[in-house]
Amino acid sequence: RWWLVIGALAALLTLAWTGKQGITVLRRYRNI
């Protein structure tokens, strides 16, 4: 149950980060 909450928080943070940077940020740092 608690991992479910942690996973949801990770999803929220991922949405916030990609919402600000755009999904193409993953393309720019492909070698990383």
Full PDB file with SEQRES, HELIX, SHEET, SSBOND, CRYST1, ORIGX, SCALE, CONECT and MASTER records, all heavy atoms in Angstrom:
SEQRES   1 A   32  ARG TRP TRP LEU VAL ILE GLY ALA LEU ALA ALA LEU LEU          
SEQRES   2 A   32  THR LEU ALA TRP THR GLY LYS GLN GLY ILE THR VAL LEU          
SEQRES   3 A   32  ARG ARG TYR ARG ASN ILE                                      
HELIX    1 AA1 TRP A    2  GLN A   21  1                                  20    
HELIX    2 AA2 VAL A   25  ARG A   28  1                                   4    
CRYST1    1.000    1.000    1.000  90.00  90.00  90.00 P 1           1          
ORIGX1      1.000000  0.000000  0.000000        0.00000                         
ORIGX2      0.000000  1.000000  0.000000        0.00000                         
ORIGX3      0.000000  0.000000  1.000000        0.00000                         
SCALE1      1.000000  0.000000  0.000000        0.00000                         
SCALE2      0.000000  1.000000  0.000000        0.00000                         
SCALE3      0.000000  0.000000  1.000000        0.00000                         
ATOM      1  N   ARG A   1       0.836  -1.211   0.000  1.00  0.00           N  
ATOM      2  CA  ARG A   1       0.000   0.000   0.000  1.00  0.00           C  
ATOM      3  C   ARG A   1       0.865   1.253   0.000  1.00  0.00           C  
ATOM      4  O   ARG A   1       0.600   2.207  -0.737  1.00  0.00           O  
ATOM      5  CB  ARG A   1      -0.940  -0.001   1.206  1.00  0.00           C  
ATOM      6  CG  ARG A   1      -2.213  -0.802   1.004  1.00  0.00           C  
ATOM      7  CD  ARG A   1      -3.208  -0.535   2.103  1.00  0.00           C  
ATOM      8  NE  ARG A   1      -2.713  -0.874   3.419  1.00  0.00           N  
ATOM      9  CZ  ARG A   1      -3.295  -1.731   4.261  1.00  0.00           C  
ATOM     10  NH1 ARG A   1      -4.407  -2.356   3.900  1.00  0.00           N  
ATOM     11  NH2 ARG A   1      -2.788  -1.959   5.446  1.00  0.00           N  
ATOM     12  N   TRP A   2       1.888   1.269   0.850  1.00  0.00           N  
ATOM     13  CA  TRP A   2       2.733   2.456   0.921  1.00  0.00           C  
ATOM     14  C   TRP A   2       3.593   2.612  -0.324  1.00  0.00           C  
ATOM     15  O   TRP A   2       3.856   3.735  -0.769  1.00  0.00           O  
ATOM     16  CB  TRP A   2       3.577   2.419   2.193  1.00  0.00           C  
ATOM     17  CG  TRP A   2       2.720   2.465   3.422  1.00  0.00           C  
ATOM     18  CD1 TRP A   2       2.573   1.500   4.372  1.00  0.00           C  
ATOM     19  CD2 TRP A   2       1.826   3.521   3.805  1.00  0.00           C  
ATOM     20  NE1 TRP A   2       1.657   1.887   5.322  1.00  0.00           N  
ATOM     21  CE2 TRP A   2       1.191   3.114   5.003  1.00  0.00           C  
ATOM     22  CE3 TRP A   2       1.504   4.767   3.243  1.00  0.00           C  
ATOM     23  CZ2 TRP A   2       0.249   3.921   5.645  1.00  0.00           C  
ATOM     24  CZ3 TRP A   2       0.568   5.553   3.888  1.00  0.00           C  
ATOM     25  CH2 TRP A   2      -0.046   5.140   5.070  1.00  0.00           C  
ATOM     26  N   TRP A   3       4.016   1.493  -0.918  1.00  0.00           N  
ATOM     27  CA  TRP A   3       4.746   1.591  -2.181  1.00  0.00           C  
ATOM     28  C   TRP A   3       3.832   2.127  -3.283  1.00  0.00           C  
ATOM     29  O   TRP A   3       4.286   2.789  -4.215  1.00  0.00           O  
ATOM     30  CB  TRP A   3       5.314   0.235  -2.578  1.00  0.00           C  
ATOM     31  CG  TRP A   3       6.664  -0.039  -1.997  1.00  0.00           C  
ATOM     32  CD1 TRP A   3       6.990  -0.958  -1.042  1.00  0.00           C  
ATOM     33  CD2 TRP A   3       7.885   0.625  -2.346  1.00  0.00           C  
ATOM     34  NE1 TRP A   3       8.338  -0.904  -0.762  1.00  0.00           N  
ATOM     35  CE2 TRP A   3       8.905   0.056  -1.548  1.00  0.00           C  
ATOM     36  CE3 TRP A   3       8.225   1.638  -3.236  1.00  0.00           C  
ATOM     37  CZ2 TRP A   3      10.235   0.465  -1.633  1.00  0.00           C  
ATOM     38  CZ3 TRP A   3       9.549   2.059  -3.313  1.00  0.00           C  
ATOM     39  CH2 TRP A   3      10.540   1.479  -2.525  1.00  0.00           C  
ATOM     40  N   LEU A   4       2.550   1.840  -3.177  1.00  0.00           N  
ATOM     41  CA  LEU A   4       1.592   2.385  -4.132  1.00  0.00           C  
ATOM     42  C   LEU A   4       1.588   3.913  -4.063  1.00  0.00           C  
ATOM     43  O   LEU A   4       1.587   4.600  -5.093  1.00  0.00           O  
ATOM     44  CB  LEU A   4       0.202   1.832  -3.838  1.00  0.00           C  
ATOM     45  CG  LEU A   4      -0.912   2.114  -4.838  1.00  0.00           C  
ATOM     46  CD1 LEU A   4      -0.612   1.463  -6.178  1.00  0.00           C  
ATOM     47  CD2 LEU A   4      -2.248   1.617  -4.304  1.00  0.00           C  
ATOM     48  N   VAL A   5       1.622   4.456  -2.872  1.00  0.00           N  
ATOM     49  CA  VAL A   5       1.665   5.905  -2.696  1.00  0.00           C  
ATOM     50  C   VAL A   5       2.982   6.467  -3.211  1.00  0.00           C  
ATOM     51  O   VAL A   5       3.019   7.507  -3.888  1.00  0.00           O  
ATOM     52  CB  VAL A   5       1.453   6.274  -1.218  1.00  0.00           C  
ATOM     53  CG1 VAL A   5       1.620   7.775  -1.011  1.00  0.00           C  
ATOM     54  CG2 VAL A   5       0.076   5.833  -0.746  1.00  0.00           C  
ATOM     55  N   ILE A   6       4.094   5.774  -2.902  1.00  0.00           N  
ATOM     56  CA  ILE A   6       5.404   6.235  -3.371  1.00  0.00           C  
ATOM     57  C   ILE A   6       5.457   6.228  -4.897  1.00  0.00           C  
ATOM     58  O   ILE A   6       5.972   7.163  -5.531  1.00  0.00           O  
ATOM     59  CB  ILE A   6       6.520   5.347  -2.777  1.00  0.00           C  
ATOM     60  CG1 ILE A   6       6.602   5.555  -1.264  1.00  0.00           C  
ATOM     61  CG2 ILE A   6       7.866   5.659  -3.434  1.00  0.00           C  
ATOM     62  CD1 ILE A   6       7.520   4.571  -0.560  1.00  0.00           C  
ATOM     63  N   GLY A   7       4.912   5.169  -5.510  1.00  0.00           N  
ATOM     64  CA  GLY A   7       4.866   5.118  -6.967  1.00  0.00           C  
ATOM     65  C   GLY A   7       4.042   6.248  -7.549  1.00  0.00           C  
ATOM     66  O   GLY A   7       4.410   6.854  -8.560  1.00  0.00           O  
ATOM     67  N   ALA A   8       2.907   6.554  -6.910  1.00  0.00           N  
ATOM     68  CA  ALA A   8       2.064   7.657  -7.384  1.00  0.00           C  
ATOM     69  C   ALA A   8       2.792   8.993  -7.259  1.00  0.00           C  
ATOM     70  O   ALA A   8       2.691   9.853  -8.146  1.00  0.00           O  
ATOM     71  CB  ALA A   8       0.758   7.690  -6.594  1.00  0.00           C  
ATOM     72  N   LEU A   9       3.529   9.183  -6.172  1.00  0.00           N  
ATOM     73  CA  LEU A   9       4.322  10.413  -6.020  1.00  0.00           C  
ATOM     74  C   LEU A   9       5.399  10.504  -7.096  1.00  0.00           C  
ATOM     75  O   LEU A   9       5.650  11.594  -7.628  1.00  0.00           O  
ATOM     76  CB  LEU A   9       4.957  10.446  -4.629  1.00  0.00           C  
ATOM     77  CG  LEU A   9       4.024  10.770  -3.467  1.00  0.00           C  
ATOM     78  CD1 LEU A   9       4.744  10.550  -2.131  1.00  0.00           C  
ATOM     79  CD2 LEU A   9       3.524  12.202  -3.558  1.00  0.00           C  
ATOM     80  N   ALA A  10       6.024   9.372  -7.413  1.00  0.00           N  
ATOM     81  CA  ALA A  10       7.038   9.362  -8.468  1.00  0.00           C  
ATOM     82  C   ALA A  10       6.404   9.728  -9.811  1.00  0.00           C  
ATOM     83  O   ALA A  10       7.000  10.462 -10.613  1.00  0.00           O  
ATOM     84  CB  ALA A  10       7.701   7.986  -8.547  1.00  0.00           C  
ATOM     85  N   ALA A  11       5.192   9.225 -10.055  1.00  0.00           N  
ATOM     86  CA  ALA A  11       4.485   9.582 -11.290  1.00  0.00           C  
ATOM     87  C   ALA A  11       4.181  11.071 -11.329  1.00  0.00           C  
ATOM     88  O   ALA A  11       4.333  11.731 -12.369  1.00  0.00           O  
ATOM     89  CB  ALA A  11       3.197   8.771 -11.402  1.00  0.00           C  
ATOM     90  N   LEU A  12       3.753  11.623 -10.196  1.00  0.00           N  
ATOM     91  CA  LEU A  12       3.453  13.061 -10.117  1.00  0.00           C  
ATOM     92  C   LEU A  12       4.700  13.892 -10.394  1.00  0.00           C  
ATOM     93  O   LEU A  12       4.657  14.870 -11.156  1.00  0.00           O  
ATOM     94  CB  LEU A  12       2.886  13.388  -8.739  1.00  0.00           C  
ATOM     95  CG  LEU A  12       2.503  14.846  -8.482  1.00  0.00           C  
ATOM     96  CD1 LEU A  12       1.393  15.297  -9.422  1.00  0.00           C  
ATOM     97  CD2 LEU A  12       2.068  15.025  -7.024  1.00  0.00           C  
ATOM     98  N   LEU A  13       5.829  13.502  -9.802  1.00  0.00           N  
ATOM     99  CA  LEU A  13       7.086  14.231 -10.021  1.00  0.00           C  
ATOM    100  C   LEU A  13       7.545  14.113 -11.471  1.00  0.00           C  
ATOM    101  O   LEU A  13       8.051  15.085 -12.052  1.00  0.00           O  
ATOM    102  CB  LEU A  13       8.165  13.695  -9.077  1.00  0.00           C  
ATOM    103  CG  LEU A  13       7.964  13.993  -7.592  1.00  0.00           C  
ATOM    104  CD1 LEU A  13       9.017  13.287  -6.753  1.00  0.00           C  
ATOM    105  CD2 LEU A  13       7.996  15.491  -7.327  1.00  0.00           C  
ATOM    106  N   THR A  14       7.361  12.933 -12.064  1.00  0.00           N  
ATOM    107  CA  THR A  14       7.739  12.744 -13.463  1.00  0.00           C  
ATOM    108  C   THR A  14       6.895  13.624 -14.374  1.00  0.00           C  
ATOM    109  O   THR A  14       7.403  14.245 -15.319  1.00  0.00           O  
ATOM    110  CB  THR A  14       7.570  11.266 -13.860  1.00  0.00           C  
ATOM    111  OG1 THR A  14       8.378  10.447 -13.003  1.00  0.00           O  
ATOM    112  CG2 THR A  14       7.979  11.034 -15.302  1.00  0.00           C  
ATOM    113  N   LEU A  15       5.599  13.685 -14.087  1.00  0.00           N  
ATOM    114  CA  LEU A  15       4.709  14.546 -14.876  1.00  0.00           C  
ATOM    115  C   LEU A  15       5.093  16.012 -14.726  1.00  0.00           C  
ATOM    116  O   LEU A  15       5.089  16.776 -15.707  1.00  0.00           O  
ATOM    117  CB  LEU A  15       3.262  14.335 -14.435  1.00  0.00           C  
ATOM    118  CG  LEU A  15       2.584  13.046 -14.908  1.00  0.00           C  
ATOM    119  CD1 LEU A  15       1.308  12.800 -14.120  1.00  0.00           C  
ATOM    120  CD2 LEU A  15       2.283  13.128 -16.409  1.00  0.00           C  
ATOM    121  N   ALA A  16       5.432  16.427 -13.499  1.00  0.00           N  
ATOM    122  CA  ALA A  16       5.816  17.818 -13.272  1.00  0.00           C  
ATOM    123  C   ALA A  16       7.117  18.159 -13.994  1.00  0.00           C  
ATOM    124  O   ALA A  16       7.243  19.224 -14.619  1.00  0.00           O  
ATOM    125  CB  ALA A  16       5.960  18.072 -11.773  1.00  0.00           C  
ATOM    126  N   TRP A  17       8.095  17.242 -13.929  1.00  0.00           N  
ATOM    127  CA  TRP A  17       9.400  17.483 -14.564  1.00  0.00           C  
ATOM    128  C   TRP A  17       9.273  17.531 -16.078  1.00  0.00           C  
ATOM    129  O   TRP A  17       9.758  18.460 -16.731  1.00  0.00           O  
ATOM    130  CB  TRP A  17      10.371  16.388 -14.136  1.00  0.00           C  
ATOM    131  CG  TRP A  17      11.724  16.516 -14.757  1.00  0.00           C  
ATOM    132  CD1 TRP A  17      12.562  17.586 -14.684  1.00  0.00           C  
ATOM    133  CD2 TRP A  17      12.389  15.544 -15.576  1.00  0.00           C  
ATOM    134  NE1 TRP A  17      13.720  17.338 -15.384  1.00  0.00           N  
ATOM    135  CE2 TRP A  17      13.638  16.103 -15.932  1.00  0.00           C  
ATOM    136  CE3 TRP A  17      12.060  14.268 -16.002  1.00  0.00           C  
ATOM    137  CZ2 TRP A  17      14.554  15.400 -16.726  1.00  0.00           C  
ATOM    138  CZ3 TRP A  17      12.976  13.571 -16.789  1.00  0.00           C  
ATOM    139  CH2 TRP A  17      14.202  14.139 -17.152  1.00  0.00           C  
ATOM    140  N   THR A  18       8.607  16.535 -16.664  1.00  0.00           N  
ATOM    141  CA  THR A  18       8.450  16.530 -18.118  1.00  0.00           C  
ATOM    142  C   THR A  18       7.486  17.617 -18.577  1.00  0.00           C  
ATOM    143  O   THR A  18       7.579  18.093 -19.710  1.00  0.00           O  
ATOM    144  CB  THR A  18       7.958  15.152 -18.605  1.00  0.00           C  
ATOM    145  OG1 THR A  18       6.753  14.787 -17.908  1.00  0.00           O  
ATOM    146  CG2 THR A  18       9.008  14.080 -18.375  1.00  0.00           C  
ATOM    147  N   GLY A  19       6.554  18.028 -17.692  1.00  0.00           N  
ATOM    148  CA  GLY A  19       5.671  19.127 -18.049  1.00  0.00           C  
ATOM    149  C   GLY A  19       6.422  20.429 -18.191  1.00  0.00           C  
ATOM    150  O   GLY A  19       6.075  21.280 -19.019  1.00  0.00           O  
ATOM    151  N   LYS A  20       7.470  20.585 -17.396  1.00  0.00           N  
ATOM    152  CA  LYS A  20       8.274  21.807 -17.450  1.00  0.00           C  
ATOM    153  C   LYS A  20       9.307  21.750 -18.569  1.00  0.00           C  
ATOM    154  O   LYS A  20       9.535  22.734 -19.279  1.00  0.00           O  
ATOM    155  CB  LYS A  20       8.971  22.016 -16.106  1.00  0.00           C  
ATOM    156  CG  LYS A  20       9.811  23.280 -16.028  1.00  0.00           C  
ATOM    157  CD  LYS A  20      10.431  23.441 -14.653  1.00  0.00           C  
ATOM    158  CE  LYS A  20      11.263  24.707 -14.568  1.00  0.00           C  
ATOM    159  NZ  LYS A  20      11.898  24.879 -13.230  1.00  0.00           N  
ATOM    160  N   GLN A  21       9.961  20.577 -18.729  1.00  0.00           N  
ATOM    161  CA  GLN A  21      11.049  20.443 -19.691  1.00  0.00           C  
ATOM    162  C   GLN A  21      10.585  19.956 -21.059  1.00  0.00           C  
ATOM    163  O   GLN A  21      11.249  20.195 -22.068  1.00  0.00           O  
ATOM    164  CB  GLN A  21      12.090  19.451 -19.146  1.00  0.00           C  
ATOM    165  CG  GLN A  21      12.681  19.826 -17.799  1.00  0.00           C  
ATOM    166  CD  GLN A  21      13.653  20.979 -17.906  1.00  0.00           C  
ATOM    167  OE1 GLN A  21      14.255  21.198 -18.948  1.00  0.00           O  
ATOM    168  NE2 GLN A  21      13.814  21.721 -16.817  1.00  0.00           N  
ATOM    169  N   GLY A  22       9.453  19.240 -21.083  1.00  0.00           N  
ATOM    170  CA  GLY A  22       9.037  18.570 -22.316  1.00  0.00           C  
ATOM    171  C   GLY A  22       9.658  17.181 -22.377  1.00  0.00           C  
ATOM    172  O   GLY A  22      10.763  16.953 -21.870  1.00  0.00           O  
ATOM    173  N   ILE A  23       8.960  16.251 -22.999  1.00  0.00           N  
ATOM    174  CA  ILE A  23       9.436  14.875 -23.032  1.00  0.00           C  
ATOM    175  C   ILE A  23      10.733  14.739 -23.810  1.00  0.00           C  
ATOM    176  O   ILE A  23      11.512  13.786 -23.614  1.00  0.00           O  
ATOM    177  CB  ILE A  23       8.345  13.949 -23.619  1.00  0.00           C  
ATOM    178  CG1 ILE A  23       8.575  12.483 -23.184  1.00  0.00           C  
ATOM    179  CG2 ILE A  23       8.301  14.050 -25.131  1.00  0.00           C  
ATOM    180  CD1 ILE A  23       8.286  12.213 -21.765  1.00  0.00           C  
ATOM    181  N   THR A  24      11.023  15.709 -24.695  1.00  0.00           N  
ATOM    182  CA  THR A  24      12.249  15.631 -25.489  1.00  0.00           C  
ATOM    183  C   THR A  24      13.499  15.834 -24.649  1.00  0.00           C  
ATOM    184  O   THR A  24      14.611  15.648 -25.149  1.00  0.00           O  
ATOM    185  CB  THR A  24      12.227  16.667 -26.623  1.00  0.00           C  
ATOM    186  OG1 THR A  24      11.946  17.962 -26.072  1.00  0.00           O  
ATOM    187  CG2 THR A  24      11.163  16.318 -27.657  1.00  0.00           C  
ATOM    188  N   VAL A  25      13.344  16.202 -23.380  1.00  0.00           N  
ATOM    189  CA  VAL A  25      14.507  16.279 -22.501  1.00  0.00           C  
ATOM    190  C   VAL A  25      15.184  14.916 -22.404  1.00  0.00           C  
ATOM    191  O   VAL A  25      16.414  14.831 -22.225  1.00  0.00           O  
ATOM    192  CB  VAL A  25      14.096  16.786 -21.092  1.00  0.00           C  
ATOM    193  CG1 VAL A  25      13.222  15.765 -20.356  1.00  0.00           C  
ATOM    194  CG2 VAL A  25      15.331  17.114 -20.252  1.00  0.00           C  
ATOM    195  N   LEU A  26      14.408  13.851 -22.544  1.00  0.00           N  
ATOM    196  CA  LEU A  26      14.989  12.510 -22.512  1.00  0.00           C  
ATOM    197  C   LEU A  26      15.874  12.267 -23.727  1.00  0.00           C  
ATOM    198  O   LEU A  26      16.863  11.531 -23.644  1.00  0.00           O  
ATOM    199  CB  LEU A  26      13.872  11.459 -22.466  1.00  0.00           C  
ATOM    200  CG  LEU A  26      12.927  11.529 -21.268  1.00  0.00           C  
ATOM    201  CD1 LEU A  26      11.841  10.468 -21.391  1.00  0.00           C  
ATOM    202  CD2 LEU A  26      13.702  11.330 -19.969  1.00  0.00           C  
ATOM    203  N   ARG A  27      15.510  12.883 -24.841  1.00  0.00           N  
ATOM    204  CA  ARG A  27      16.314  12.711 -26.064  1.00  0.00           C  
ATOM    205  C   ARG A  27      17.642  13.455 -25.958  1.00  0.00           C  
ATOM    206  O   ARG A  27      18.666  12.961 -26.429  1.00  0.00           O  
ATOM    207  CB  ARG A  27      15.516  13.203 -27.262  1.00  0.00           C  
ATOM    208  CG  ARG A  27      16.174  12.937 -28.600  1.00  0.00           C  
ATOM    209  CD  ARG A  27      15.274  13.351 -29.745  1.00  0.00           C  
ATOM    210  NE  ARG A  27      15.805  12.970 -31.039  1.00  0.00           N  
ATOM    211  CZ  ARG A  27      15.162  13.126 -32.181  1.00  0.00           C  
ATOM    212  NH1 ARG A  27      13.944  13.682 -32.183  1.00  0.00           N  
ATOM    213  NH2 ARG A  27      15.713  12.753 -33.336  1.00  0.00           N  
ATOM    214  N   ARG A  28      17.618  14.617 -25.338  1.00  0.00           N  
ATOM    215  CA  ARG A  28      18.829  15.434 -25.257  1.00  0.00           C  
ATOM    216  C   ARG A  28      19.922  14.759 -24.430  1.00  0.00           C  
ATOM    217  O   ARG A  28      21.112  14.958 -24.685  1.00  0.00           O  
ATOM    218  CB  ARG A  28      18.506  16.809 -24.660  1.00  0.00           C  
ATOM    219  CG  ARG A  28      17.682  17.691 -25.569  1.00  0.00           C  
ATOM    220  CD  ARG A  28      17.811  19.153 -25.186  1.00  0.00           C  
ATOM    221  NE  ARG A  28      17.316  19.412 -23.846  1.00  0.00           N  
ATOM    222  CZ  ARG A  28      16.059  19.737 -23.561  1.00  0.00           C  
ATOM    223  NH1 ARG A  28      15.170  19.809 -24.556  1.00  0.00           N  
ATOM    224  NH2 ARG A  28      15.677  19.980 -22.332  1.00  0.00           N  
ATOM    225  N   TYR A  29      19.522  13.989 -23.439  1.00  0.00           N  
ATOM    226  CA  TYR A  29      20.508  13.391 -22.536  1.00  0.00           C  
ATOM    227  C   TYR A  29      20.582  11.879 -22.703  1.00  0.00           C  
ATOM    228  O   TYR A  29      20.711  11.132 -21.750  1.00  0.00           O  
ATOM    229  CB  TYR A  29      20.149  13.744 -21.083  1.00  0.00           C  
ATOM    230  CG  TYR A  29      20.123  15.215 -20.813  1.00  0.00           C  
ATOM    231  CD1 TYR A  29      18.923  15.881 -20.563  1.00  0.00           C  
ATOM    232  CD2 TYR A  29      21.297  15.958 -20.842  1.00  0.00           C  
ATOM    233  CE1 TYR A  29      18.895  17.242 -20.327  1.00  0.00           C  
ATOM    234  CE2 TYR A  29      21.270  17.322 -20.608  1.00  0.00           C  
ATOM    235  CZ  TYR A  29      20.074  17.961 -20.350  1.00  0.00           C  
ATOM    236  OH  TYR A  29      20.055  19.318 -20.126  1.00  0.00           O  
ATOM    237  N   ARG A  30      20.518  11.426 -23.956  1.00  0.00           N  
ATOM    238  CA  ARG A  30      20.436   9.985 -24.203  1.00  0.00           C  
ATOM    239  C   ARG A  30      21.664   9.236 -23.691  1.00  0.00           C  
ATOM    240  O   ARG A  30      21.541   8.117 -23.178  1.00  0.00           O  
ATOM    241  CB  ARG A  30      20.226   9.711 -25.688  1.00  0.00           C  
ATOM    242  CG  ARG A  30      21.458   9.934 -26.544  1.00  0.00           C  
ATOM    243  CD  ARG A  30      21.199   9.586 -27.994  1.00  0.00           C  
ATOM    244  NE  ARG A  30      22.457   9.504 -28.739  1.00  0.00           N  
ATOM    245  CZ  ARG A  30      22.543   9.423 -30.049  1.00  0.00           C  
ATOM    246  NH1 ARG A  30      21.441   9.408 -30.775  1.00  0.00           N  
ATOM    247  NH2 ARG A  30      23.716   9.338 -30.639  1.00  0.00           N  
ATOM    248  N   ASN A  31      22.851   9.808 -23.818  1.00  0.00           N  
ATOM    249  CA  ASN A  31      24.054   9.111 -23.361  1.00  0.00           C  
ATOM    250  C   ASN A  31      24.073   8.962 -21.841  1.00  0.00           C  
ATOM    251  O   ASN A  31      24.583   7.974 -21.312  1.00  0.00           O  
ATOM    252  CB  ASN A  31      25.309   9.844 -23.837  1.00  0.00           C  
ATOM    253  CG  ASN A  31      25.478   9.772 -25.347  1.00  0.00           C  
ATOM    254  OD1 ASN A  31      25.043   8.803 -25.977  1.00  0.00           O  
ATOM    255  ND2 ASN A  31      26.083  10.786 -25.934  1.00  0.00           N  
ATOM    256  N   ILE A  32      23.501   9.952 -21.160  1.00  0.00           N  
ATOM    257  CA  ILE A  32      23.404   9.852 -19.703  1.00  0.00           C  
ATOM    258  C   ILE A  32      22.470   8.711 -19.325  1.00  0.00           C  
ATOM    259  O   ILE A  32      22.746   7.945 -18.393  1.00  0.00           O  
ATOM    260  CB  ILE A  32      22.916  11.187 -19.108  1.00  0.00           C  
ATOM    261  CG1 ILE A  32      23.975  12.270 -19.313  1.00  0.00           C  
ATOM    262  CG2 ILE A  32      22.568  11.035 -17.627  1.00  0.00           C  
ATOM    263  CD1 ILE A  32      23.550  13.638 -18.832  1.00  0.00           C  
TER     264      ILE A  32                                                      
MASTER        0    0    0    2    0    0    0    6  263    1    0    3          
END                                                                             
